[in-house]
Amino acid sequence: MNDVIRSLKERRSVRAYREEQVREEELRQILEAATYAPSGMGKQSAVMVVVQDKETIAKLSKLNAAVMGAEIDPFYGAPTVVVVLADRRSFTWKEDGCLVMGNLMNAAYAVGVDSCWIHRAKEVFEGEEGQALLKQWGIEGDYVGVGHCILGYRAGDLPEAKPRKANYIYRV
């Protein structure tokens, strides 16, 4: 089986991480691969913010949990969070950002790093505190949160794949 196909089939969302930070060379490769995600008309409307500072991750985690009305760590202790945002002025902003998220997760698995897509970025960055973070980070424009891609090395085994549903594919 082709290595790319194998990686796509084997990658899983991981929800328990060791404290060990993602190695720089692996992170660089993951981020570079994400910049090659397809985008509507090649406009590349998405941007990524890489957060490895524990204090900022804790703040993002708290904001994300608040959207759920919970007091948990929705980032599962991951040492790196990549916030994916996209320019709302682009007709395909959501699709562009989703493709970046997919490339992040698939590239991570390909280099031995685990990942998970954490939702609620839209709500976090629509809020006052999220908008303040964007300003602090120097991100100007009408950006909307697409997702948080958490990265790290799993604590435990890789989860098993759920069986594929019977009616996944229709051929006409």
C-alpha atoms as a PDB file:
ATOM      1  CA  MET A   1       0.000   0.000   0.000  1.00  0.00           C
ATOM      2  CA  ASN A   2       1.195   3.512  -0.819  1.00  0.00           C
ATOM      3  CA  ASP A   3       2.734   5.284   2.224  1.00  0.00           C
ATOM      4  CA  VAL A   4       0.472   8.336   1.854  1.00  0.00           C
ATOM      5  CA  ILE A   5      -2.662   6.176   1.692  1.00  0.00           C
ATOM      6  CA  ARG A   6      -1.443   4.151   4.685  1.00  0.00           C
ATOM      7  CA  SER A   7      -0.900   7.336   6.719  1.00  0.00           C
ATOM      8  CA  LEU A   8      -4.351   8.642   5.804  1.00  0.00           C
ATOM      9  CA  LYS A   9      -5.909   5.373   6.953  1.00  0.00           C
ATOM     10  CA  GLU A  10      -3.867   5.001  10.148  1.00  0.00           C
ATOM     11  CA  ARG A  11      -4.000   8.565  11.551  1.00  0.00           C
ATOM     12  CA  ARG A  12      -6.186   8.954  14.635  1.00  0.00           C
ATOM     13  CA  SER A  13      -7.277  11.795  16.880  1.00  0.00           C
ATOM     14  CA  VAL A  14      -5.279  11.594  20.103  1.00  0.00           C
ATOM     15  CA  ARG A  15      -6.680  12.880  23.391  1.00  0.00           C
ATOM     16  CA  ALA A  16      -3.809  12.308  25.867  1.00  0.00           C
ATOM     17  CA  TYR A  17      -0.343  13.857  25.488  1.00  0.00           C
ATOM     18  CA  ARG A  18       3.063  13.761  27.137  1.00  0.00           C
ATOM     19  CA  GLU A  19       4.575  17.082  28.209  1.00  0.00           C
ATOM     20  CA  GLU A  20       7.436  16.724  25.709  1.00  0.00           C
ATOM     21  CA  GLN A  21       7.392  19.579  23.202  1.00  0.00           C
ATOM     22  CA  VAL A  22       7.169  18.835  19.481  1.00  0.00           C
ATOM     23  CA  ARG A  23      10.648  18.783  17.965  1.00  0.00           C
ATOM     24  CA  GLU A  24      11.347  21.856  15.855  1.00  0.00           C
ATOM     25  CA  GLU A  25      12.225  20.000  12.648  1.00  0.00           C
ATOM     26  CA  GLU A  26       8.980  18.008  12.815  1.00  0.00           C
ATOM     27  CA  LEU A  27       6.951  21.132  13.538  1.00  0.00           C
ATOM     28  CA  ARG A  28       8.566  22.959  10.629  1.00  0.00           C
ATOM     29  CA  GLN A  29       7.655  20.132   8.253  1.00  0.00           C
ATOM     30  CA  ILE A  30       4.065  19.984   9.534  1.00  0.00           C
ATOM     31  CA  LEU A  31       3.559  23.736   9.149  1.00  0.00           C
ATOM     32  CA  GLU A  32       5.139  23.815   5.706  1.00  0.00           C
ATOM     33  CA  ALA A  33       2.894  20.971   4.522  1.00  0.00           C
ATOM     34  CA  ALA A  34      -0.136  22.906   5.806  1.00  0.00           C
ATOM     35  CA  THR A  35       0.807  25.902   3.645  1.00  0.00           C
ATOM     36  CA  TYR A  36       0.322  23.667   0.601  1.00  0.00           C
ATOM     37  CA  ALA A  37      -3.338  22.943   1.377  1.00  0.00           C
ATOM     38  CA  PRO A  38      -5.639  23.679  -1.554  1.00  0.00           C
ATOM     39  CA  SER A  39      -7.594  26.927  -1.335  1.00  0.00           C
ATOM     40  CA  GLY A  40     -10.336  28.569  -3.341  1.00  0.00           C
ATOM     41  CA  MET A  41      -8.827  30.224  -6.411  1.00  0.00           C
ATOM     42  CA  GLY A  42      -5.409  29.817  -4.779  1.00  0.00           C
ATOM     43  CA  LYS A  43      -6.106  32.781  -2.470  1.00  0.00           C
ATOM     44  CA  GLN A  44      -4.661  31.080   0.621  1.00  0.00           C
ATOM     45  CA  SER A  45      -7.150  32.790   2.937  1.00  0.00           C
ATOM     46  CA  ALA A  46      -6.052  30.813   6.003  1.00  0.00           C
ATOM     47  CA  VAL A  47      -3.353  31.735   8.516  1.00  0.00           C
ATOM     48  CA  MET A  48      -1.848  29.718  11.363  1.00  0.00           C
ATOM     49  CA  VAL A  49      -0.783  30.875  14.811  1.00  0.00           C
ATOM     50  CA  VAL A  50       1.585  28.449  16.533  1.00  0.00           C
ATOM     51  CA  VAL A  51       1.270  28.560  20.314  1.00  0.00           C
ATOM     52  CA  GLN A  52       3.783  26.733  22.498  1.00  0.00           C
ATOM     53  CA  ASP A  53       3.781  29.093  25.467  1.00  0.00           C
ATOM     54  CA  LYS A  54       2.094  27.300  28.406  1.00  0.00           C
ATOM     55  CA  GLU A  55       0.441  30.476  29.672  1.00  0.00           C
ATOM     56  CA  THR A  56      -1.136  31.290  26.298  1.00  0.00           C
ATOM     57  CA  ILE A  57      -2.236  27.676  25.810  1.00  0.00           C
ATOM     58  CA  ALA A  58      -3.878  27.778  29.249  1.00  0.00           C
ATOM     59  CA  LYS A  59      -5.709  30.971  28.293  1.00  0.00           C
ATOM     60  CA  LEU A  60      -6.899  29.484  24.992  1.00  0.00           C
ATOM     61  CA  SER A  61      -7.950  26.313  26.805  1.00  0.00           C
ATOM     62  CA  LYS A  62      -9.984  28.300  29.329  1.00  0.00           C
ATOM     63  CA  LEU A  63     -11.689  30.336  26.573  1.00  0.00           C
ATOM     64  CA  ASN A  64     -12.449  27.158  24.623  1.00  0.00           C
ATOM     65  CA  ALA A  65     -13.857  25.370  27.678  1.00  0.00           C
ATOM     66  CA  ALA A  66     -16.015  28.397  28.495  1.00  0.00           C
ATOM     67  CA  VAL A  67     -17.746  28.048  25.117  1.00  0.00           C
ATOM     68  CA  MET A  68     -18.800  24.563  26.258  1.00  0.00           C
ATOM     69  CA  GLY A  69     -19.710  25.778  29.732  1.00  0.00           C
ATOM     70  CA  ALA A  70     -17.132  23.405  31.196  1.00  0.00           C
ATOM     71  CA  GLU A  71     -14.021  23.573  33.343  1.00  0.00           C
ATOM     72  CA  ILE A  72     -11.826  21.053  31.539  1.00  0.00           C
ATOM     73  CA  ASP A  73      -8.752  21.175  29.325  1.00  0.00           C
ATOM     74  CA  PRO A  74     -10.129  20.723  25.807  1.00  0.00           C
ATOM     75  CA  PHE A  75      -6.526  20.558  24.546  1.00  0.00           C
ATOM     76  CA  TYR A  76      -5.800  17.385  26.537  1.00  0.00           C
ATOM     77  CA  GLY A  77      -2.422  18.644  27.753  1.00  0.00           C
ATOM     78  CA  ALA A  78      -0.963  18.994  24.247  1.00  0.00           C
ATOM     79  CA  PRO A  79       2.210  21.136  24.271  1.00  0.00           C
ATOM     80  CA  THR A  80       1.509  22.821  20.918  1.00  0.00           C
ATOM     81  CA  VAL A  81      -1.685  24.408  19.641  1.00  0.00           C
ATOM     82  CA  VAL A  82      -1.943  25.643  16.068  1.00  0.00           C
ATOM     83  CA  VAL A  83      -4.830  28.072  15.716  1.00  0.00           C
ATOM     84  CA  VAL A  84      -6.179  28.112  12.174  1.00  0.00           C
ATOM     85  CA  LEU A  85      -8.018  31.251  11.118  1.00  0.00           C
ATOM     86  CA  ALA A  86      -9.289  32.318   7.723  1.00  0.00           C
ATOM     87  CA  ASP A  87     -10.155  35.629   6.100  1.00  0.00           C
ATOM     88  CA  ARG A  88     -13.931  35.980   6.131  1.00  0.00           C
ATOM     89  CA  ARG A  89     -13.747  38.116   2.957  1.00  0.00           C
ATOM     90  CA  SER A  90     -12.864  34.993   0.979  1.00  0.00           C
ATOM     91  CA  PHE A  91     -15.907  33.106  -0.298  1.00  0.00           C
ATOM     92  CA  THR A  92     -14.197  29.801   0.577  1.00  0.00           C
ATOM     93  CA  TRP A  93     -12.760  30.780   3.983  1.00  0.00           C
ATOM     94  CA  LYS A  94     -14.256  27.798   5.821  1.00  0.00           C
ATOM     95  CA  GLU A  95     -13.165  25.244   3.231  1.00  0.00           C
ATOM     96  CA  ASP A  96      -9.689  26.800   3.005  1.00  0.00           C
ATOM     97  CA  GLY A  97      -9.230  26.613   6.769  1.00  0.00           C
ATOM     98  CA  CYS A  98     -10.566  23.049   6.932  1.00  0.00           C
ATOM     99  CA  LEU A  99      -8.089  21.925   4.295  1.00  0.00           C
ATOM    100  CA  VAL A 100      -5.235  23.504   6.284  1.00  0.00           C
ATOM    101  CA  MET A 101      -6.452  21.618   9.374  1.00  0.00           C
ATOM    102  CA  GLY A 102      -6.481  18.367   7.400  1.00  0.00           C
ATOM    103  CA  ASN A 103      -2.970  18.930   6.089  1.00  0.00           C
ATOM    104  CA  LEU A 104      -1.743  19.745   9.615  1.00  0.00           C
ATOM    105  CA  MET A 105      -3.103  16.499  11.053  1.00  0.00           C
ATOM    106  CA  ASN A 106      -2.014  14.277   8.171  1.00  0.00           C
ATOM    107  CA  ALA A 107       1.461  15.816   7.992  1.00  0.00           C
ATOM    108  CA  ALA A 108       1.818  15.437  11.756  1.00  0.00           C
ATOM    109  CA  TYR A 109       1.095  11.723  11.577  1.00  0.00           C
ATOM    110  CA  ALA A 110       3.519  11.331   8.663  1.00  0.00           C
ATOM    111  CA  VAL A 111       6.398  12.660  10.812  1.00  0.00           C
ATOM    112  CA  GLY A 112       5.453  10.824  14.021  1.00  0.00           C
ATOM    113  CA  VAL A 113       3.504  13.573  15.800  1.00  0.00           C
ATOM    114  CA  ASP A 114      -0.022  13.064  17.100  1.00  0.00           C
ATOM    115  CA  SER A 115      -2.892  15.521  16.685  1.00  0.00           C
ATOM    116  CA  CYS A 116      -6.551  16.272  17.175  1.00  0.00           C
ATOM    117  CA  TRP A 117      -8.936  18.886  15.769  1.00  0.00           C
ATOM    118  CA  ILE A 118     -10.471  20.906  18.583  1.00  0.00           C
ATOM    119  CA  HIS A 119     -13.543  22.912  17.644  1.00  0.00           C
ATOM    120  CA  ARG A 120     -14.941  26.178  19.035  1.00  0.00           C
ATOM    121  CA  ALA A 121     -12.238  28.417  17.504  1.00  0.00           C
ATOM    122  CA  LYS A 122     -14.971  30.402  15.748  1.00  0.00           C
ATOM    123  CA  GLU A 123     -16.684  31.231  19.028  1.00  0.00           C
ATOM    124  CA  VAL A 124     -13.409  31.900  20.867  1.00  0.00           C
ATOM    125  CA  PHE A 125     -12.198  34.423  18.296  1.00  0.00           C
ATOM    126  CA  GLU A 126     -15.571  36.119  17.893  1.00  0.00           C
ATOM    127  CA  GLY A 127     -15.405  37.037  21.582  1.00  0.00           C
ATOM    128  CA  GLU A 128     -13.767  40.088  23.100  1.00  0.00           C
ATOM    129  CA  GLU A 129     -10.833  38.150  24.606  1.00  0.00           C
ATOM    130  CA  GLY A 130     -10.226  36.277  21.351  1.00  0.00           C
ATOM    131  CA  GLN A 131     -10.269  39.524  19.389  1.00  0.00           C
ATOM    132  CA  ALA A 132      -7.747  40.966  21.879  1.00  0.00           C
ATOM    133  CA  LEU A 133      -5.457  37.975  21.269  1.00  0.00           C
ATOM    134  CA  LEU A 134      -5.621  38.490  17.503  1.00  0.00           C
ATOM    135  CA  LYS A 135      -4.671  42.127  17.988  1.00  0.00           C
ATOM    136  CA  GLN A 136      -1.849  41.155  20.365  1.00  0.00           C
ATOM    137  CA  TRP A 137      -0.578  38.663  17.776  1.00  0.00           C
ATOM    138  CA  GLY A 138      -0.624  41.334  15.036  1.00  0.00           C
ATOM    139  CA  ILE A 139      -3.385  39.704  13.012  1.00  0.00           C
ATOM    140  CA  GLU A 140      -5.369  42.388  11.262  1.00  0.00           C
ATOM    141  CA  GLY A 141      -8.411  41.932   9.079  1.00  0.00           C
ATOM    142  CA  ASP A 142     -11.667  40.045   9.331  1.00  0.00           C
ATOM    143  CA  TYR A 143     -10.405  36.638  10.448  1.00  0.00           C
ATOM    144  CA  VAL A 144     -12.645  33.895  11.764  1.00  0.00           C
ATOM    145  CA  GLY A 145     -11.536  30.886  13.809  1.00  0.00           C
ATOM    146  CA  VAL A 146     -11.668  27.569  11.955  1.00  0.00           C
ATOM    147  CA  GLY A 147     -10.086  25.182  14.445  1.00  0.00           C
ATOM    148  CA  HIS A 148      -7.348  24.442  16.941  1.00  0.00           C
ATOM    149  CA  CYS A 149      -4.964  21.689  15.860  1.00  0.00           C
ATOM    150  CA  ILE A 150      -3.322  20.269  18.953  1.00  0.00           C
ATOM    151  CA  LEU A 151       0.039  18.595  18.437  1.00  0.00           C
ATOM    152  CA  GLY A 152       2.267  16.448  20.608  1.00  0.00           C
ATOM    153  CA  TYR A 153       3.331  12.914  21.425  1.00  0.00           C
ATOM    154  CA  ARG A 154       0.615  10.623  22.720  1.00  0.00           C
ATOM    155  CA  ALA A 155       0.554   9.229  26.223  1.00  0.00           C
ATOM    156  CA  GLY A 156      -0.629   5.675  25.592  1.00  0.00           C
ATOM    157  CA  ASP A 157      -1.659   3.652  22.596  1.00  0.00           C
ATOM    158  CA  LEU A 158      -2.993   4.956  19.306  1.00  0.00           C
ATOM    159  CA  PRO A 159      -6.790   4.626  19.376  1.00  0.00           C
ATOM    160  CA  GLU A 160      -8.388   1.963  17.196  1.00  0.00           C
ATOM    161  CA  ALA A 161     -10.241   3.021  14.060  1.00  0.00           C
ATOM    162  CA  LYS A 162     -14.005   2.903  14.241  1.00  0.00           C
ATOM    163  CA  PRO A 163     -15.556   0.661  11.605  1.00  0.00           C
ATOM    164  CA  ARG A 164     -16.446   2.491   8.390  1.00  0.00           C
ATOM    165  CA  LYS A 165     -20.199   2.843   7.871  1.00  0.00           C
ATOM    166  CA  ALA A 166     -21.799   0.658   5.207  1.00  0.00           C
ATOM    167  CA  ASN A 167     -23.286   3.479   3.115  1.00  0.00           C
ATOM    168  CA  TYR A 168     -20.205   5.706   2.979  1.00  0.00           C
ATOM    169  CA  ILE A 169     -19.794   5.490  -0.795  1.00  0.00           C
ATOM    170  CA  TYR A 170     -22.395   5.702  -3.536  1.00  0.00           C
ATOM    171  CA  ARG A 171     -21.326   5.054  -7.122  1.00  0.00           C
ATOM    172  CA  VAL A 172     -23.460   6.305  -9.937  1.00  0.00           C
END
